[in-house]
PDB file of all heavy atoms in Angstrom:
ATOM      1  N   GLU A   1      74.150  73.023  52.494  1.00  0.00           N
ATOM      2  CA  GLU A   1      72.767  72.774  52.097  1.00  0.00           C
ATOM      3  C   GLU A   1      71.842  73.882  52.596  1.00  0.00           C
ATOM      4  O   GLU A   1      70.957  74.351  51.870  1.00  0.00           O
ATOM      5  CB  GLU A   1      72.316  71.413  52.639  1.00  0.00           C
ATOM      6  CG  GLU A   1      72.937  70.231  51.922  1.00  0.00           C
ATOM      7  CD  GLU A   1      72.530  70.166  50.455  1.00  0.00           C
ATOM      8  OE1 GLU A   1      71.352  70.407  50.147  1.00  0.00           O
ATOM      9  OE2 GLU A   1      73.402  69.906  49.616  1.00  0.00           O
ATOM     10  N   GLN A   2      72.030  74.306  53.831  1.00  0.00           N
ATOM     11  CA  GLN A   2      71.182  75.369  54.370  1.00  0.00           C
ATOM     12  C   GLN A   2      71.390  76.674  53.605  1.00  0.00           C
ATOM     13  O   GLN A   2      70.433  77.411  53.351  1.00  0.00           O
ATOM     14  CB  GLN A   2      71.484  75.560  55.855  1.00  0.00           C
ATOM     15  CG  GLN A   2      71.008  74.408  56.729  1.00  0.00           C
ATOM     16  CD  GLN A   2      71.424  74.561  58.177  1.00  0.00           C
ATOM     17  OE1 GLN A   2      72.356  75.298  58.499  1.00  0.00           O
ATOM     18  NE2 GLN A   2      70.739  73.867  59.068  1.00  0.00           N
ATOM     19  N   ALA A   3      72.650  76.972  53.249  1.00  0.00           N
ATOM     20  CA  ALA A   3      72.923  78.195  52.484  1.00  0.00           C
ATOM     21  C   ALA A   3      72.297  78.109  51.098  1.00  0.00           C
ATOM     22  O   ALA A   3      71.761  79.105  50.580  1.00  0.00           O
ATOM     23  CB  ALA A   3      74.430  78.419  52.385  1.00  0.00           C
ATOM     24  N   GLU A   4      72.343  76.951  50.471  1.00  0.00           N
ATOM     25  CA  GLU A   4      71.722  76.788  49.156  1.00  0.00           C
ATOM     26  C   GLU A   4      70.212  76.991  49.237  1.00  0.00           C
ATOM     27  O   GLU A   4      69.609  77.653  48.370  1.00  0.00           O
ATOM     28  CB  GLU A   4      72.031  75.393  48.606  1.00  0.00           C
ATOM     29  CG  GLU A   4      73.501  75.190  48.231  1.00  0.00           C
ATOM     30  CD  GLU A   4      73.808  73.742  47.911  1.00  0.00           C
ATOM     31  OE1 GLU A   4      72.927  72.886  48.182  1.00  0.00           O
ATOM     32  OE2 GLU A   4      74.897  73.454  47.395  1.00  0.00           O
ATOM     33  N   ILE A   5      69.595  76.420  50.261  1.00  0.00           N
ATOM     34  CA  ILE A   5      68.146  76.579  50.430  1.00  0.00           C
ATOM     35  C   ILE A   5      67.789  78.050  50.626  1.00  0.00           C
ATOM     36  O   ILE A   5      66.803  78.552  50.074  1.00  0.00           O
ATOM     37  CB  ILE A   5      67.661  75.719  51.616  1.00  0.00           C
ATOM     38  CG1 ILE A   5      67.810  74.229  51.276  1.00  0.00           C
ATOM     39  CG2 ILE A   5      66.212  76.040  51.972  1.00  0.00           C
ATOM     40  CD1 ILE A   5      67.551  73.312  52.456  1.00  0.00           C
ATOM     41  N   ALA A   6      68.613  78.753  51.418  1.00  0.00           N
ATOM     42  CA  ALA A   6      68.349  80.181  51.651  1.00  0.00           C
ATOM     43  C   ALA A   6      68.464  80.979  50.357  1.00  0.00           C
ATOM     44  O   ALA A   6      67.681  81.909  50.119  1.00  0.00           O
ATOM     45  CB  ALA A   6      69.317  80.718  52.705  1.00  0.00           C
ATOM     46  N   VAL A   7      69.435  80.645  49.501  1.00  0.00           N
ATOM     47  CA  VAL A   7      69.582  81.350  48.224  1.00  0.00           C
ATOM     48  C   VAL A   7      68.367  81.100  47.340  1.00  0.00           C
ATOM     49  O   VAL A   7      67.805  82.037  46.735  1.00  0.00           O
ATOM     50  CB  VAL A   7      70.879  80.912  47.517  1.00  0.00           C
ATOM     51  CG1 VAL A   7      70.929  81.452  46.089  1.00  0.00           C
ATOM     52  CG2 VAL A   7      72.100  81.401  48.289  1.00  0.00           C
ATOM     53  N   ASP A   8      67.943  79.836  47.233  1.00  0.00           N
ATOM     54  CA  ASP A   8      66.767  79.511  46.404  1.00  0.00           C
ATOM     55  C   ASP A   8      65.516  80.217  46.927  1.00  0.00           C
ATOM     56  O   ASP A   8      64.717  80.755  46.144  1.00  0.00           O
ATOM     57  CB  ASP A   8      66.549  77.998  46.385  1.00  0.00           C
ATOM     58  CG  ASP A   8      67.640  77.263  45.615  1.00  0.00           C
ATOM     59  OD1 ASP A   8      68.312  77.920  44.790  1.00  0.00           O
ATOM     60  OD2 ASP A   8      67.833  76.064  45.852  1.00  0.00           O
ATOM     61  N   GLU A   9      65.358  80.226  48.257  1.00  0.00           N
ATOM     62  CA  GLU A   9      64.182  80.886  48.832  1.00  0.00           C
ATOM     63  C   GLU A   9      64.199  82.387  48.523  1.00  0.00           C
ATOM     64  O   GLU A   9      63.167  82.968  48.162  1.00  0.00           O
ATOM     65  CB  GLU A   9      64.139  80.662  50.344  1.00  0.00           C
ATOM     66  CG  GLU A   9      62.988  81.372  51.025  1.00  0.00           C
ATOM     67  CD  GLU A   9      63.207  81.539  52.506  1.00  0.00           C
ATOM     68  OE1 GLU A   9      64.283  81.153  52.998  1.00  0.00           O
ATOM     69  OE2 GLU A   9      62.304  82.077  53.176  1.00  0.00           O
ATOM     70  N   ALA A  10      65.355  83.010  48.670  1.00  0.00           N
ATOM     71  CA  ALA A  10      65.447  84.449  48.425  1.00  0.00           C
ATOM     72  C   ALA A  10      65.149  84.776  46.966  1.00  0.00           C
ATOM     73  O   ALA A  10      64.497  85.787  46.665  1.00  0.00           O
ATOM     74  CB  ALA A  10      66.829  84.962  48.819  1.00  0.00           C
ATOM     75  N   GLN A  11      65.610  83.933  46.058  1.00  0.00           N
ATOM     76  CA  GLN A  11      65.309  84.179  44.637  1.00  0.00           C
ATOM     77  C   GLN A  11      63.808  84.101  44.370  1.00  0.00           C
ATOM     78  O   GLN A  11      63.247  84.932  43.644  1.00  0.00           O
ATOM     79  CB  GLN A  11      66.059  83.167  43.761  1.00  0.00           C
ATOM     80  CG  GLN A  11      67.563  83.361  43.757  1.00  0.00           C
ATOM     81  CD  GLN A  11      68.250  82.546  42.671  1.00  0.00           C
ATOM     82  OE1 GLN A  11      68.590  83.068  41.617  1.00  0.00           O
ATOM     83  NE2 GLN A  11      68.466  81.272  42.934  1.00  0.00           N
ATOM     84  N   GLU A  12      63.151  83.111  44.947  1.00  0.00           N
ATOM     85  CA  GLU A  12      61.702  82.989  44.759  1.00  0.00           C
ATOM     86  C   GLU A  12      60.968  84.167  45.386  1.00  0.00           C
ATOM     87  O   GLU A  12      59.989  84.677  44.817  1.00  0.00           O
ATOM     88  CB  GLU A  12      61.216  81.672  45.356  1.00  0.00           C
ATOM     89  CG  GLU A  12      61.761  80.432  44.645  1.00  0.00           C
ATOM     90  CD  GLU A  12      61.362  79.152  45.333  1.00  0.00           C
ATOM     91  OE1 GLU A  12      60.674  79.233  46.394  1.00  0.00           O
ATOM     92  OE2 GLU A  12      61.712  78.059  44.852  1.00  0.00           O
ATOM     93  N   ARG A  13      61.442  84.615  46.563  1.00  0.00           N
ATOM     94  CA  ARG A  13      60.802  85.759  47.215  1.00  0.00           C
ATOM     95  C   ARG A  13      60.974  87.029  46.401  1.00  0.00           C
ATOM     96  O   ARG A  13      60.067  87.870  46.356  1.00  0.00           O
ATOM     97  CB  ARG A  13      61.384  85.947  48.611  1.00  0.00           C
ATOM     98  CG  ARG A  13      60.902  84.915  49.631  1.00  0.00           C
ATOM     99  CD  ARG A  13      61.695  85.002  50.901  1.00  0.00           C
ATOM    100  NE  ARG A  13      61.740  86.376  51.402  1.00  0.00           N
ATOM    101  CZ  ARG A  13      62.662  86.832  52.223  1.00  0.00           C
ATOM    102  NH1 ARG A  13      63.638  86.032  52.631  1.00  0.00           N
ATOM    103  NH2 ARG A  13      62.626  88.079  52.647  1.00  0.00           N
ATOM    104  N   ILE A  14      62.117  87.201  45.756  1.00  0.00           N
ATOM    105  CA  ILE A  14      62.328  88.399  44.930  1.00  0.00           C
ATOM    106  C   ILE A  14      61.339  88.418  43.774  1.00  0.00           C
ATOM    107  O   ILE A  14      60.707  89.451  43.482  1.00  0.00           O
ATOM    108  CB  ILE A  14      63.785  88.429  44.417  1.00  0.00           C
ATOM    109  CG1 ILE A  14      64.747  88.740  45.567  1.00  0.00           C
ATOM    110  CG2 ILE A  14      63.941  89.472  43.317  1.00  0.00           C
ATOM    111  CD1 ILE A  14      66.206  88.635  45.188  1.00  0.00           C
ATOM    112  N   GLN A  15      61.201  87.303  43.099  1.00  0.00           N
ATOM    113  CA  GLN A  15      60.278  87.248  41.964  1.00  0.00           C
ATOM    114  C   GLN A  15      58.846  87.520  42.408  1.00  0.00           C
ATOM    115  O   GLN A  15      58.098  88.263  41.744  1.00  0.00           O
ATOM    116  CB  GLN A  15      60.392  85.890  41.282  1.00  0.00           C
ATOM    117  CG  GLN A  15      61.769  85.636  40.680  1.00  0.00           C
ATOM    118  CD  GLN A  15      61.955  84.209  40.204  1.00  0.00           C
ATOM    119  OE1 GLN A  15      61.026  83.399  40.266  1.00  0.00           O
ATOM    120  NE2 GLN A  15      63.153  83.889  39.731  1.00  0.00           N
ATOM    121  N   ALA A  16      58.466  86.927  43.547  1.00  0.00           N
ATOM    122  CA  ALA A  16      57.109  87.169  44.043  1.00  0.00           C
ATOM    123  C   ALA A  16      56.941  88.620  44.483  1.00  0.00           C
ATOM    124  O   ALA A  16      55.890  89.233  44.259  1.00  0.00           O
ATOM    125  CB  ALA A  16      56.810  86.222  45.209  1.00  0.00           C
ATOM    126  N   ALA A  17      57.983  89.204  45.114  1.00  0.00           N
ATOM    127  CA  ALA A  17      57.894  90.583  45.588  1.00  0.00           C
ATOM    128  C   ALA A  17      57.809  91.563  44.427  1.00  0.00           C
ATOM    129  O   ALA A  17      57.104  92.581  44.511  1.00  0.00           O
ATOM    130  CB  ALA A  17      59.096  90.907  46.471  1.00  0.00           C
ATOM    131  N   GLN A  18      58.523  91.287  43.345  1.00  0.00           N
ATOM    132  CA  GLN A  18      58.448  92.175  42.188  1.00  0.00           C
ATOM    133  C   GLN A  18      57.042  92.178  41.586  1.00  0.00           C
ATOM    134  O   GLN A  18      56.529  93.236  41.192  1.00  0.00           O
ATOM    135  CB  GLN A  18      59.485  91.742  41.148  1.00  0.00           C
ATOM    136  CG  GLN A  18      60.922  92.026  41.571  1.00  0.00           C
ATOM    137  CD  GLN A  18      61.946  91.479  40.593  1.00  0.00           C
ATOM    138  OE1 GLN A  18      61.623  90.629  39.744  1.00  0.00           O
ATOM    139  NE2 GLN A  18      63.177  91.955  40.699  1.00  0.00           N
ATOM    140  N   THR A  19      56.406  91.013  41.525  1.00  0.00           N
ATOM    141  CA  THR A  19      55.015  90.943  41.064  1.00  0.00           C
ATOM    142  C   THR A  19      54.092  91.689  42.016  1.00  0.00           C
ATOM    143  O   THR A  19      53.168  92.404  41.593  1.00  0.00           O
ATOM    144  CB  THR A  19      54.580  89.482  40.929  1.00  0.00           C
ATOM    145  OG1 THR A  19      55.466  88.795  40.027  1.00  0.00           O
ATOM    146  CG2 THR A  19      53.164  89.371  40.415  1.00  0.00           C
ATOM    147  N   LEU A  20      54.385  91.543  43.318  1.00  0.00           N
ATOM    148  CA  LEU A  20      53.570  92.218  44.321  1.00  0.00           C
ATOM    149  C   LEU A  20      53.689  93.734  44.203  1.00  0.00           C
ATOM    150  O   LEU A  20      52.691  94.461  44.314  1.00  0.00           O
ATOM    151  CB  LEU A  20      53.996  91.763  45.723  1.00  0.00           C
ATOM    152  CG  LEU A  20      53.276  92.401  46.914  1.00  0.00           C
ATOM    153  CD1 LEU A  20      51.786  92.084  46.866  1.00  0.00           C
ATOM    154  CD2 LEU A  20      53.893  91.927  48.222  1.00  0.00           C
ATOM    155  N   VAL A  21      54.879  94.245  43.964  1.00  0.00           N
ATOM    156  CA  VAL A  21      55.076  95.686  43.821  1.00  0.00           C
ATOM    157  C   VAL A  21      54.320  96.214  42.605  1.00  0.00           C
ATOM    158  O   VAL A  21      53.661  97.271  42.667  1.00  0.00           O
ATOM    159  CB  VAL A  21      56.579  96.011  43.718  1.00  0.00           C
ATOM    160  CG1 VAL A  21      56.790  97.463  43.296  1.00  0.00           C
ATOM    161  CG2 VAL A  21      57.276  95.758  45.048  1.00  0.00           C
ATOM    162  N   ALA A  22      54.404  95.480  41.504  1.00  0.00           N
ATOM    163  CA  ALA A  22      53.686  95.933  40.304  1.00  0.00           C
ATOM    164  C   ALA A  22      52.172  95.990  40.546  1.00  0.00           C
ATOM    165  O   ALA A  22      51.498  96.953  40.157  1.00  0.00           O
ATOM    166  CB  ALA A  22      54.013  94.996  39.139  1.00  0.00           C
ATOM    167  N   SER A  23      51.648  94.994  41.224  1.00  0.00           N
ATOM    168  CA  SER A  23      50.206  94.985  41.515  1.00  0.00           C
ATOM    169  C   SER A  23      49.842  96.100  42.488  1.00  0.00           C
ATOM    170  O   SER A  23      48.804  96.768  42.319  1.00  0.00           O
ATOM    171  CB  SER A  23      49.806  93.625  42.101  1.00  0.00           C
ATOM    172  OG  SER A  23      50.074  92.578  41.187  1.00  0.00           O
ATOM    173  N   ALA A  24      50.696  96.313  43.514  1.00  0.00           N
ATOM    174  CA  ALA A  24      50.408  97.353  44.495  1.00  0.00           C
ATOM    175  C   ALA A  24      50.468  98.743  43.872  1.00  0.00           C
ATOM    176  O   ALA A  24      49.684  99.635  44.221  1.00  0.00           O
ATOM    177  CB  ALA A  24      51.394  97.250  45.665  1.00  0.00           C
ATOM    178  N   GLN A  25      51.401  98.952  42.934  1.00  0.00           N
ATOM    179  CA  GLN A  25      51.471 100.245  42.260  1.00  0.00           C
ATOM    180  C   GLN A  25      50.211 100.508  41.420  1.00  0.00           C
ATOM    181  O   GLN A  25      49.667 101.622  41.423  1.00  0.00           O
ATOM    182  CB  GLN A  25      52.719 100.285  41.364  1.00  0.00           C
ATOM    183  CG  GLN A  25      54.018 100.429  42.134  1.00  0.00           C
ATOM    184  CD  GLN A  25      55.235 100.328  41.228  1.00  0.00           C
ATOM    185  OE1 GLN A  25      55.165  99.769  40.126  1.00  0.00           O
ATOM    186  NE2 GLN A  25      56.363 100.868  41.707  1.00  0.00           N
ATOM    187  N   GLU A  26      49.744  99.496  40.729  1.00  0.00           N
ATOM    188  CA  GLU A  26      48.530  99.661  39.935  1.00  0.00           C
ATOM    189  C   GLU A  26      47.312  99.892  40.823  1.00  0.00           C
ATOM    190  O   GLU A  26      46.455 100.746  40.527  1.00  0.00           O
ATOM    191  CB  GLU A  26      48.320  98.418  39.063  1.00  0.00           C
ATOM    192  CG  GLU A  26      47.078  98.449  38.198  1.00  0.00           C
ATOM    193  CD  GLU A  26      47.115  99.561  37.153  1.00  0.00           C
ATOM    194  OE1 GLU A  26      48.201 100.111  36.887  1.00  0.00           O
ATOM    195  OE2 GLU A  26      46.053  99.881  36.592  1.00  0.00           O
ATOM    196  N   ASN A  27      47.254  99.172  41.933  1.00  0.00           N
ATOM    197  CA  ASN A  27      46.138  99.341  42.862  1.00  0.00           C
ATOM    198  C   ASN A  27      46.136 100.746  43.458  1.00  0.00           C
ATOM    199  O   ASN A  27      45.079 101.391  43.584  1.00  0.00           O
ATOM    200  CB  ASN A  27      46.215  98.294  43.965  1.00  0.00           C
ATOM    201  CG  ASN A  27      45.046  98.370  44.924  1.00  0.00           C
ATOM    202  OD1 ASN A  27      43.892  98.492  44.500  1.00  0.00           O
ATOM    203  ND2 ASN A  27      45.336  98.315  46.220  1.00  0.00           N
ATOM    204  N   PHE A  28      47.338 101.255  43.812  1.00  0.00           N
ATOM    205  CA  PHE A  28      47.416 102.608  44.361  1.00  0.00           C
ATOM    206  C   PHE A  28      47.032 103.644  43.307  1.00  0.00           C
ATOM    207  O   PHE A  28      46.360 104.633  43.612  1.00  0.00           O
ATOM    208  CB  PHE A  28      48.824 102.884  44.878  1.00  0.00           C
ATOM    209  CG  PHE A  28      49.017 104.290  45.354  1.00  0.00           C
ATOM    210  CD1 PHE A  28      48.466 104.723  46.549  1.00  0.00           C
ATOM    211  CD2 PHE A  28      49.746 105.205  44.591  1.00  0.00           C
ATOM    212  CE1 PHE A  28      48.638 106.025  46.989  1.00  0.00           C
ATOM    213  CE2 PHE A  28      49.915 106.506  45.022  1.00  0.00           C
ATOM    214  CZ  PHE A  28      49.363 106.918  46.224  1.00  0.00           C
ATOM    215  N   ARG A  29      47.437 103.431  42.060  1.00  0.00           N
ATOM    216  CA  ARG A  29      47.088 104.377  41.001  1.00  0.00           C
ATOM    217  C   ARG A  29      45.566 104.442  40.815  1.00  0.00           C
ATOM    218  O   ARG A  29      44.980 105.536  40.695  1.00  0.00           O
ATOM    219  CB  ARG A  29      47.766 103.956  39.699  1.00  0.00           C
ATOM    220  CG  ARG A  29      47.594 104.945  38.551  1.00  0.00           C
ATOM    221  CD  ARG A  29      48.180 104.386  37.285  1.00  0.00           C
ATOM    222  NE  ARG A  29      47.434 103.218  36.823  1.00  0.00           N
ATOM    223  CZ  ARG A  29      46.284 103.280  36.136  1.00  0.00           C
ATOM    224  NH1 ARG A  29      45.742 104.459  35.833  1.00  0.00           N
ATOM    225  NH2 ARG A  29      45.679 102.176  35.743  1.00  0.00           N
ATOM    226  N   LEU A  30      44.932 103.272  40.845  1.00  0.00           N
ATOM    227  CA  LEU A  30      43.478 103.254  40.687  1.00  0.00           C
ATOM    228  C   LEU A  30      42.780 103.897  41.883  1.00  0.00           C
ATOM    229  O   LEU A  30      41.818 104.660  41.724  1.00  0.00           O
ATOM    230  CB  LEU A  30      43.004 101.813  40.504  1.00  0.00           C
ATOM    231  CG  LEU A  30      43.475 101.121  39.213  1.00  0.00           C
ATOM    232  CD1 LEU A  30      43.056  99.664  39.221  1.00  0.00           C
ATOM    233  CD2 LEU A  30      42.943 101.843  37.988  1.00  0.00           C
ATOM    234  N   ALA A  31      43.272 103.585  43.096  1.00  0.00           N
ATOM    235  CA  ALA A  31      42.645 104.137  44.293  1.00  0.00           C
ATOM    236  C   ALA A  31      42.802 105.657  44.338  1.00  0.00           C
ATOM    237  O   ALA A  31      41.882 106.385  44.739  1.00  0.00           O
ATOM    238  CB  ALA A  31      43.259 103.507  45.535  1.00  0.00           C
ATOM    239  N   GLN A  32      43.975 106.140  43.919  1.00  0.00           N
ATOM    240  CA  GLN A  32      44.189 107.589  43.913  1.00  0.00           C
ATOM    241  C   GLN A  32      43.294 108.261  42.866  1.00  0.00           C
ATOM    242  O   GLN A  32      42.745 109.346  43.106  1.00  0.00           O
ATOM    243  CB  GLN A  32      45.664 107.899  43.638  1.00  0.00           C
ATOM    244  CG  GLN A  32      46.038 109.345  43.891  1.00  0.00           C
ATOM    245  CD  GLN A  32      47.539 109.557  43.776  1.00  0.00           C
ATOM    246  OE1 GLN A  32      48.193 108.965  42.920  1.00  0.00           O
ATOM    247  NE2 GLN A  32      48.076 110.391  44.653  1.00  0.00           N
ATOM    248  N   GLY A  33      43.154 107.617  41.712  1.00  0.00           N
ATOM    249  CA  GLY A  33      42.261 108.173  40.699  1.00  0.00           C
ATOM    250  C   GLY A  33      40.814 108.209  41.164  1.00  0.00           C
ATOM    251  O   GLY A  33      40.097 109.202  40.920  1.00  0.00           O
ATOM    252  N   ARG A  34      40.365 107.168  41.846  1.00  0.00           N
ATOM    253  CA  ARG A  34      38.994 107.150  42.357  1.00  0.00           C
ATOM    254  C   ARG A  34      38.799 108.218  43.422  1.00  0.00           C
ATOM    255  O   ARG A  34      37.762 108.882  43.482  1.00  0.00           O
ATOM    256  CB  ARG A  34      38.690 105.766  42.944  1.00  0.00           C
ATOM    257  CG  ARG A  34      38.503 104.681  41.869  1.00  0.00           C
ATOM    258  CD  ARG A  34      38.433 103.293  42.499  1.00  0.00           C
ATOM    259  NE  ARG A  34      37.395 103.245  43.507  1.00  0.00           N
ATOM    260  CZ  ARG A  34      36.096 103.011  43.248  1.00  0.00           C
ATOM    261  NH1 ARG A  34      35.711 102.837  41.994  1.00  0.00           N
ATOM    262  NH2 ARG A  34      35.208 102.956  44.223  1.00  0.00           N
ATOM    263  N   PHE A  35      39.841 108.388  44.263  1.00  0.00           N
ATOM    264  CA  PHE A  35      39.716 109.389  45.318  1.00  0.00           C
ATOM    265  C   PHE A  35      39.689 110.793  44.722  1.00  0.00           C
ATOM    266  O   PHE A  35      38.892 111.645  45.130  1.00  0.00           O
ATOM    267  CB  PHE A  35      40.876 109.264  46.302  1.00  0.00           C
ATOM    268  CG  PHE A  35      40.817 110.238  47.442  1.00  0.00           C
ATOM    269  CD1 PHE A  35      39.948 110.044  48.507  1.00  0.00           C
ATOM    270  CD2 PHE A  35      41.632 111.374  47.442  1.00  0.00           C
ATOM    271  CE1 PHE A  35      39.896 110.957  49.550  1.00  0.00           C
ATOM    272  CE2 PHE A  35      41.581 112.280  48.484  1.00  0.00           C
ATOM    273  CZ  PHE A  35      40.706 112.073  49.550  1.00  0.00           C
ATOM    274  N   ASP A  36      40.557 111.042  43.724  1.00  0.00           N
ATOM    275  CA  ASP A  36      40.580 112.364  43.101  1.00  0.00           C
ATOM    276  C   ASP A  36      39.277 112.643  42.336  1.00  0.00           C
ATOM    277  O   ASP A  36      38.862 113.811  42.224  1.00  0.00           O
ATOM    278  CB  ASP A  36      41.774 112.475  42.149  1.00  0.00           C
ATOM    279  CG  ASP A  36      43.101 112.470  42.895  1.00  0.00           C
ATOM    280  OD1 ASP A  36      43.099 112.738  44.119  1.00  0.00           O
ATOM    281  OD2 ASP A  36      44.147 112.173  42.270  1.00  0.00           O
ATOM    282  N   ALA A  37      38.648 111.574  41.838  1.00  0.00           N
ATOM    283  CA  ALA A  37      37.383 111.756  41.113  1.00  0.00           C
ATOM    284  C   ALA A  37      36.192 111.889  42.048  1.00  0.00           C
ATOM    285  O   ALA A  37      35.065 112.158  41.595  1.00  0.00           O
ATOM    286  CB  ALA A  37      37.163 110.589  40.156  1.00  0.00           C
TER     287      ALA A  37
END
């Protein structure tokens, strides 16, 4: 049961982390553009 819970948690964290990376990349692109401008 503990191993199953850990697998489910890791899957949810991956999905959330992938969304987080996409948002962070867009935020960095905008911040770099503002700084260069």
